[in-house]
């Protein structure tokens, strides 16, 4: 079955760093673009970062560009999100997601909480 195991979330002070990990299984990982989304209470879900199947191209949401880096290790079926210079407004539940194309819904992980506070 399709499964995502997410880790790396937690509490960090402003200016600090975290690295989120999403370990995937049950589908042809290398064929799928992968994304990180986030959602804070009372706010819409928003795209954080996106990476193609080979890792050759990445895209970032405006609020995280220059601070976050998405990467993947296809040998380990794993995608990462390195988060630097964290701000309180980065506080949200972060979700790993696989893009299955226009005809099929995305796969979603269970989410991992990131809290940025002093």
N, C-alpha and C. Protein backbone atom coordinates (compact mmCIF):
# COMPACT_ATOMS: atom_id res chain seq x y z
N UNK A 1 0.82 -1.17 0.00
CA UNK A 1 0.00 0.00 0.00
C UNK A 1 0.88 1.25 0.00
N UNK A 2 0.29 2.34 -0.48
CA UNK A 2 0.99 3.61 -0.49
C UNK A 2 1.12 4.11 0.94
N UNK A 3 2.32 4.56 1.29
CA UNK A 3 2.56 5.00 2.65
C UNK A 3 3.61 6.10 2.67
N UNK A 4 3.40 7.07 3.54
CA UNK A 4 4.37 8.11 3.81
C UNK A 4 4.67 8.12 5.30
N UNK A 5 5.95 8.19 5.63
CA UNK A 5 6.37 8.33 7.01
C UNK A 5 7.13 9.64 7.11
N UNK A 6 6.54 10.61 7.79
CA UNK A 6 7.11 11.94 7.91
C UNK A 6 7.72 12.12 9.29
N UNK A 7 8.82 12.87 9.32
CA UNK A 7 9.50 13.12 10.58
C UNK A 7 10.27 14.43 10.48
N UNK A 8 10.77 14.90 11.61
CA UNK A 8 11.63 16.07 11.65
C UNK A 8 10.97 17.33 12.17
N UNK A 9 9.66 17.32 12.34
CA UNK A 9 8.99 18.48 12.87
C UNK A 9 9.27 18.65 14.35
N UNK A 10 8.89 19.81 14.87
CA UNK A 10 9.09 20.08 16.27
C UNK A 10 9.06 21.56 16.57
N UNK A 11 9.54 21.91 17.75
CA UNK A 11 9.59 23.29 18.21
C UNK A 11 10.98 23.85 18.01
N UNK A 12 11.05 25.03 17.40
CA UNK A 12 12.33 25.67 17.14
C UNK A 12 12.19 27.17 17.35
N UNK A 13 13.27 27.83 17.75
CA UNK A 13 13.25 29.28 17.94
C UNK A 13 13.36 30.01 16.61
N UNK A 14 12.83 31.24 16.54
CA UNK A 14 13.01 32.03 15.32
C UNK A 14 14.49 32.12 14.93
N UNK A 15 14.74 32.00 13.63
CA UNK A 15 16.10 31.98 13.13
C UNK A 15 16.74 30.61 13.08
N UNK A 16 16.10 29.64 13.68
CA UNK A 16 16.63 28.29 13.70
C UNK A 16 16.32 27.51 12.44
N UNK A 17 16.71 26.24 12.46
CA UNK A 17 16.57 25.37 11.29
C UNK A 17 15.96 24.03 11.68
N UNK A 18 15.26 23.43 10.73
CA UNK A 18 14.76 22.07 10.84
C UNK A 18 14.87 21.41 9.48
N UNK A 19 14.98 20.09 9.48
CA UNK A 19 14.90 19.33 8.24
C UNK A 19 13.80 18.30 8.36
N UNK A 20 12.80 18.41 7.48
CA UNK A 20 11.72 17.46 7.42
C UNK A 20 12.08 16.33 6.47
N UNK A 21 11.64 15.13 6.81
CA UNK A 21 11.88 13.95 6.00
C UNK A 21 10.56 13.26 5.70
N UNK A 22 10.40 12.82 4.47
CA UNK A 22 9.23 12.05 4.04
C UNK A 22 9.73 10.79 3.35
N UNK A 23 9.55 9.66 4.00
CA UNK A 23 9.93 8.37 3.43
C UNK A 23 8.70 7.73 2.81
N UNK A 24 8.76 7.46 1.51
CA UNK A 24 7.61 6.97 0.76
C UNK A 24 7.79 5.52 0.36
N UNK A 25 6.66 4.84 0.18
CA UNK A 25 6.68 3.46 -0.29
C UNK A 25 5.34 3.13 -0.94
N UNK A 26 5.33 2.05 -1.74
CA UNK A 26 4.10 1.55 -2.31
C UNK A 26 3.72 2.12 -3.67
N UNK A 27 4.60 2.91 -4.27
CA UNK A 27 4.36 3.45 -5.61
C UNK A 27 5.70 3.74 -6.26
N UNK A 28 5.71 3.93 -7.59
CA UNK A 28 6.99 4.19 -8.28
C UNK A 28 7.48 5.60 -8.00
N UNK A 29 8.21 5.73 -6.93
CA UNK A 29 8.59 7.03 -6.38
C UNK A 29 9.28 7.92 -7.41
N UNK A 30 10.20 7.37 -8.16
CA UNK A 30 11.00 8.17 -9.08
C UNK A 30 10.19 8.75 -10.23
N UNK A 31 9.00 8.23 -10.49
CA UNK A 31 8.17 8.71 -11.58
C UNK A 31 7.30 9.90 -11.19
N UNK A 32 7.31 10.27 -9.93
CA UNK A 32 6.38 11.27 -9.43
C UNK A 32 7.10 12.50 -8.91
N UNK A 33 6.60 13.66 -9.32
CA UNK A 33 7.00 14.89 -8.66
C UNK A 33 6.48 14.87 -7.22
N UNK A 34 7.24 15.44 -6.33
CA UNK A 34 6.88 15.47 -4.92
C UNK A 34 6.79 16.91 -4.43
N UNK A 35 5.93 17.12 -3.46
CA UNK A 35 5.69 18.46 -2.94
C UNK A 35 5.62 18.45 -1.42
N UNK A 36 5.91 19.61 -0.86
CA UNK A 36 5.57 19.91 0.53
C UNK A 36 4.52 21.01 0.54
N UNK A 37 3.45 20.79 1.26
CA UNK A 37 2.43 21.79 1.52
C UNK A 37 2.38 22.07 3.02
N UNK A 38 1.79 23.20 3.38
CA UNK A 38 1.59 23.48 4.79
C UNK A 38 0.24 24.16 5.00
N UNK A 39 -0.27 24.02 6.21
CA UNK A 39 -1.53 24.64 6.57
C UNK A 39 -1.50 25.03 8.04
N UNK A 40 -1.74 26.31 8.29
CA UNK A 40 -1.85 26.83 9.64
C UNK A 40 -3.31 26.94 10.02
N UNK A 41 -3.63 26.92 11.32
CA UNK A 41 -5.03 27.04 11.74
C UNK A 41 -5.69 28.29 11.18
N UNK A 42 -6.87 28.12 10.60
CA UNK A 42 -7.62 29.23 10.05
C UNK A 42 -7.13 29.75 8.72
N UNK A 43 -6.14 29.11 8.14
CA UNK A 43 -5.60 29.56 6.87
C UNK A 43 -5.73 28.47 5.81
N UNK A 44 -5.64 28.88 4.56
CA UNK A 44 -5.69 27.94 3.45
C UNK A 44 -4.39 27.15 3.35
N UNK A 45 -4.50 25.93 2.86
CA UNK A 45 -3.32 25.15 2.56
C UNK A 45 -2.54 25.81 1.43
N UNK A 46 -1.22 25.85 1.54
CA UNK A 46 -0.41 26.49 0.53
C UNK A 46 0.79 25.64 0.16
N UNK A 47 1.21 25.80 -1.08
CA UNK A 47 2.39 25.09 -1.56
C UNK A 47 3.64 25.69 -0.94
N UNK A 48 4.50 24.83 -0.42
CA UNK A 48 5.79 25.24 0.11
C UNK A 48 6.88 25.03 -0.94
N UNK A 49 6.95 23.83 -1.50
CA UNK A 49 8.00 23.50 -2.45
C UNK A 49 7.59 22.32 -3.29
N UNK A 50 8.18 22.24 -4.47
CA UNK A 50 7.87 21.16 -5.42
C UNK A 50 9.17 20.74 -6.09
N UNK A 51 9.28 19.45 -6.38
CA UNK A 51 10.47 18.93 -7.03
C UNK A 51 10.07 17.86 -8.04
N UNK A 52 10.70 17.87 -9.20
CA UNK A 52 10.40 16.89 -10.24
C UNK A 52 10.92 15.52 -9.84
N UNK A 53 10.51 14.51 -10.61
CA UNK A 53 10.85 13.14 -10.28
C UNK A 53 12.34 12.88 -10.22
N UNK A 54 13.08 13.50 -11.11
CA UNK A 54 14.53 13.32 -11.14
C UNK A 54 15.27 14.29 -10.23
N UNK A 55 14.56 15.27 -9.70
CA UNK A 55 15.20 16.29 -8.90
C UNK A 55 15.85 17.39 -9.71
N UNK A 56 15.57 17.43 -11.01
CA UNK A 56 16.23 18.38 -11.88
C UNK A 56 15.67 19.79 -11.79
N UNK A 57 14.46 19.94 -11.26
CA UNK A 57 13.83 21.25 -11.19
C UNK A 57 13.06 21.37 -9.88
N UNK A 58 13.10 22.56 -9.30
CA UNK A 58 12.38 22.84 -8.06
C UNK A 58 11.63 24.15 -8.18
N UNK A 59 10.57 24.27 -7.38
CA UNK A 59 9.80 25.51 -7.28
C UNK A 59 9.46 25.73 -5.82
N UNK A 60 9.30 27.01 -5.44
CA UNK A 60 9.04 27.37 -4.06
C UNK A 60 7.94 28.40 -3.96
N UNK A 61 7.19 28.32 -2.88
CA UNK A 61 6.25 29.37 -2.57
C UNK A 61 6.97 30.66 -2.24
N UNK A 62 6.30 31.78 -2.51
CA UNK A 62 6.94 33.08 -2.33
C UNK A 62 7.41 33.31 -0.89
N UNK A 63 6.69 32.81 0.08
CA UNK A 63 7.01 33.09 1.47
C UNK A 63 8.21 32.32 2.00
N UNK A 64 8.67 31.31 1.26
CA UNK A 64 9.79 30.50 1.73
C UNK A 64 10.99 30.54 0.80
N UNK A 65 10.84 31.15 -0.35
CA UNK A 65 11.92 31.20 -1.33
C UNK A 65 13.16 31.85 -0.72
N UNK A 66 14.29 31.19 -0.91
CA UNK A 66 15.54 31.68 -0.37
C UNK A 66 15.86 31.16 1.01
N UNK A 67 14.89 30.57 1.70
CA UNK A 67 15.11 30.05 3.04
C UNK A 67 14.97 28.53 3.11
N UNK A 68 14.10 27.96 2.26
CA UNK A 68 13.84 26.53 2.28
C UNK A 68 14.42 25.88 1.03
N UNK A 69 14.81 24.61 1.17
CA UNK A 69 15.34 23.85 0.04
C UNK A 69 14.71 22.46 0.04
N UNK A 70 14.10 22.08 -1.08
CA UNK A 70 13.57 20.74 -1.23
C UNK A 70 14.58 19.89 -1.99
N UNK A 71 14.70 18.63 -1.60
CA UNK A 71 15.60 17.70 -2.27
C UNK A 71 15.02 16.30 -2.16
N UNK A 72 15.58 15.38 -2.93
CA UNK A 72 15.11 14.00 -2.85
C UNK A 72 16.26 13.04 -3.08
N UNK A 73 16.13 11.87 -2.50
CA UNK A 73 17.07 10.79 -2.67
C UNK A 73 16.27 9.60 -3.19
N UNK A 74 16.30 9.40 -4.50
CA UNK A 74 15.46 8.37 -5.10
C UNK A 74 15.90 6.96 -4.73
N UNK A 75 17.17 6.79 -4.39
CA UNK A 75 17.63 5.48 -3.93
C UNK A 75 17.01 5.10 -2.60
N UNK A 76 16.58 6.10 -1.83
CA UNK A 76 15.96 5.87 -0.54
C UNK A 76 14.47 6.16 -0.54
N UNK A 77 13.90 6.51 -1.69
CA UNK A 77 12.48 6.87 -1.79
C UNK A 77 12.11 7.93 -0.75
N UNK A 78 12.92 8.95 -0.67
CA UNK A 78 12.78 9.94 0.38
C UNK A 78 12.89 11.35 -0.18
N UNK A 79 12.06 12.24 0.33
CA UNK A 79 12.12 13.65 -0.01
C UNK A 79 12.34 14.44 1.27
N UNK A 80 13.09 15.53 1.16
CA UNK A 80 13.47 16.34 2.31
C UNK A 80 13.04 17.79 2.12
N UNK A 81 12.89 18.47 3.22
CA UNK A 81 12.70 19.91 3.20
C UNK A 81 13.61 20.52 4.26
N UNK A 82 14.67 21.18 3.81
CA UNK A 82 15.57 21.89 4.71
C UNK A 82 15.01 23.29 4.92
N UNK A 83 14.75 23.64 6.16
CA UNK A 83 14.15 24.92 6.51
C UNK A 83 15.13 25.71 7.36
N UNK A 84 15.58 26.84 6.83
CA UNK A 84 16.51 27.72 7.53
C UNK A 84 15.85 29.07 7.80
N UNK A 85 16.44 29.82 8.70
CA UNK A 85 15.95 31.16 9.04
C UNK A 85 14.45 31.16 9.32
N UNK A 86 14.03 30.23 10.14
CA UNK A 86 12.61 30.05 10.39
C UNK A 86 12.00 31.25 11.10
N UNK A 87 10.76 31.53 10.74
CA UNK A 87 10.00 32.65 11.29
C UNK A 87 8.74 32.12 11.97
N UNK A 88 8.18 32.87 12.91
CA UNK A 88 6.93 32.42 13.54
C UNK A 88 5.82 32.13 12.54
N UNK A 89 5.76 32.87 11.45
CA UNK A 89 4.72 32.64 10.45
C UNK A 89 4.91 31.35 9.66
N UNK A 90 6.04 30.66 9.86
CA UNK A 90 6.22 29.34 9.27
C UNK A 90 5.53 28.25 10.08
N UNK A 91 5.01 28.59 11.23
CA UNK A 91 4.32 27.62 12.06
C UNK A 91 3.11 27.06 11.33
N UNK A 92 3.07 25.74 11.18
CA UNK A 92 2.00 25.08 10.43
C UNK A 92 2.18 23.58 10.51
N UNK A 93 1.16 22.87 10.05
CA UNK A 93 1.30 21.45 9.78
C UNK A 93 1.84 21.31 8.36
N UNK A 94 2.90 20.54 8.22
CA UNK A 94 3.55 20.35 6.92
C UNK A 94 3.23 18.95 6.40
N UNK A 95 2.82 18.90 5.12
CA UNK A 95 2.38 17.66 4.50
C UNK A 95 3.22 17.31 3.29
N UNK A 96 3.64 16.08 3.20
CA UNK A 96 4.29 15.53 2.03
C UNK A 96 3.24 15.04 1.05
N UNK A 97 3.46 15.26 -0.25
CA UNK A 97 2.45 14.93 -1.25
C UNK A 97 3.10 14.50 -2.55
N UNK A 98 2.49 13.51 -3.21
CA UNK A 98 2.95 13.02 -4.50
C UNK A 98 1.97 13.44 -5.58
N UNK A 99 2.48 14.02 -6.65
CA UNK A 99 1.67 14.47 -7.77
C UNK A 99 1.45 13.30 -8.73
N UNK A 100 0.20 12.87 -8.87
CA UNK A 100 -0.15 11.76 -9.74
C UNK A 100 -0.66 12.21 -11.09
N UNK A 101 -0.51 13.45 -11.43
CA UNK A 101 -0.94 13.97 -12.70
C UNK A 101 -2.35 14.53 -12.65
N UNK A 102 -2.84 15.04 -13.78
CA UNK A 102 -4.14 15.73 -13.78
C UNK A 102 -5.35 14.82 -13.63
N UNK A 103 -5.19 13.54 -13.87
CA UNK A 103 -6.34 12.63 -13.85
C UNK A 103 -6.57 11.96 -12.50
N UNK A 104 -5.62 12.04 -11.61
CA UNK A 104 -5.69 11.33 -10.35
C UNK A 104 -5.41 12.26 -9.18
N UNK A 105 -6.03 11.99 -8.03
CA UNK A 105 -5.75 12.83 -6.87
C UNK A 105 -4.35 12.58 -6.32
N UNK A 106 -3.83 13.56 -5.62
CA UNK A 106 -2.54 13.41 -4.99
C UNK A 106 -2.57 12.38 -3.87
N UNK A 107 -1.40 11.79 -3.61
CA UNK A 107 -1.18 11.07 -2.37
C UNK A 107 -0.74 12.09 -1.31
N UNK A 108 -1.17 11.85 -0.07
CA UNK A 108 -0.85 12.76 1.03
C UNK A 108 -0.30 12.01 2.22
N UNK A 109 0.69 12.61 2.86
CA UNK A 109 1.16 12.10 4.13
C UNK A 109 0.28 12.57 5.27
N UNK A 110 0.59 12.12 6.47
CA UNK A 110 -0.22 12.44 7.65
C UNK A 110 0.07 13.81 8.22
N UNK A 111 1.19 14.40 7.85
CA UNK A 111 1.58 15.71 8.33
C UNK A 111 2.51 15.64 9.53
N UNK A 112 3.34 16.66 9.64
CA UNK A 112 4.21 16.82 10.80
C UNK A 112 4.19 18.29 11.23
N UNK A 113 4.06 18.52 12.52
CA UNK A 113 3.88 19.87 13.04
C UNK A 113 5.21 20.58 13.18
N UNK A 114 5.27 21.82 12.69
CA UNK A 114 6.41 22.71 12.88
C UNK A 114 5.92 23.94 13.63
N UNK A 115 6.55 24.22 14.76
CA UNK A 115 6.21 25.38 15.57
C UNK A 115 7.45 26.23 15.77
N UNK A 116 7.37 27.50 15.38
CA UNK A 116 8.48 28.43 15.51
C UNK A 116 8.09 29.48 16.54
N UNK A 117 8.75 29.46 17.68
CA UNK A 117 8.38 30.33 18.78
C UNK A 117 9.55 30.49 19.73
N UNK A 118 9.65 31.67 20.33
CA UNK A 118 10.66 31.93 21.33
C UNK A 118 10.16 31.61 22.73
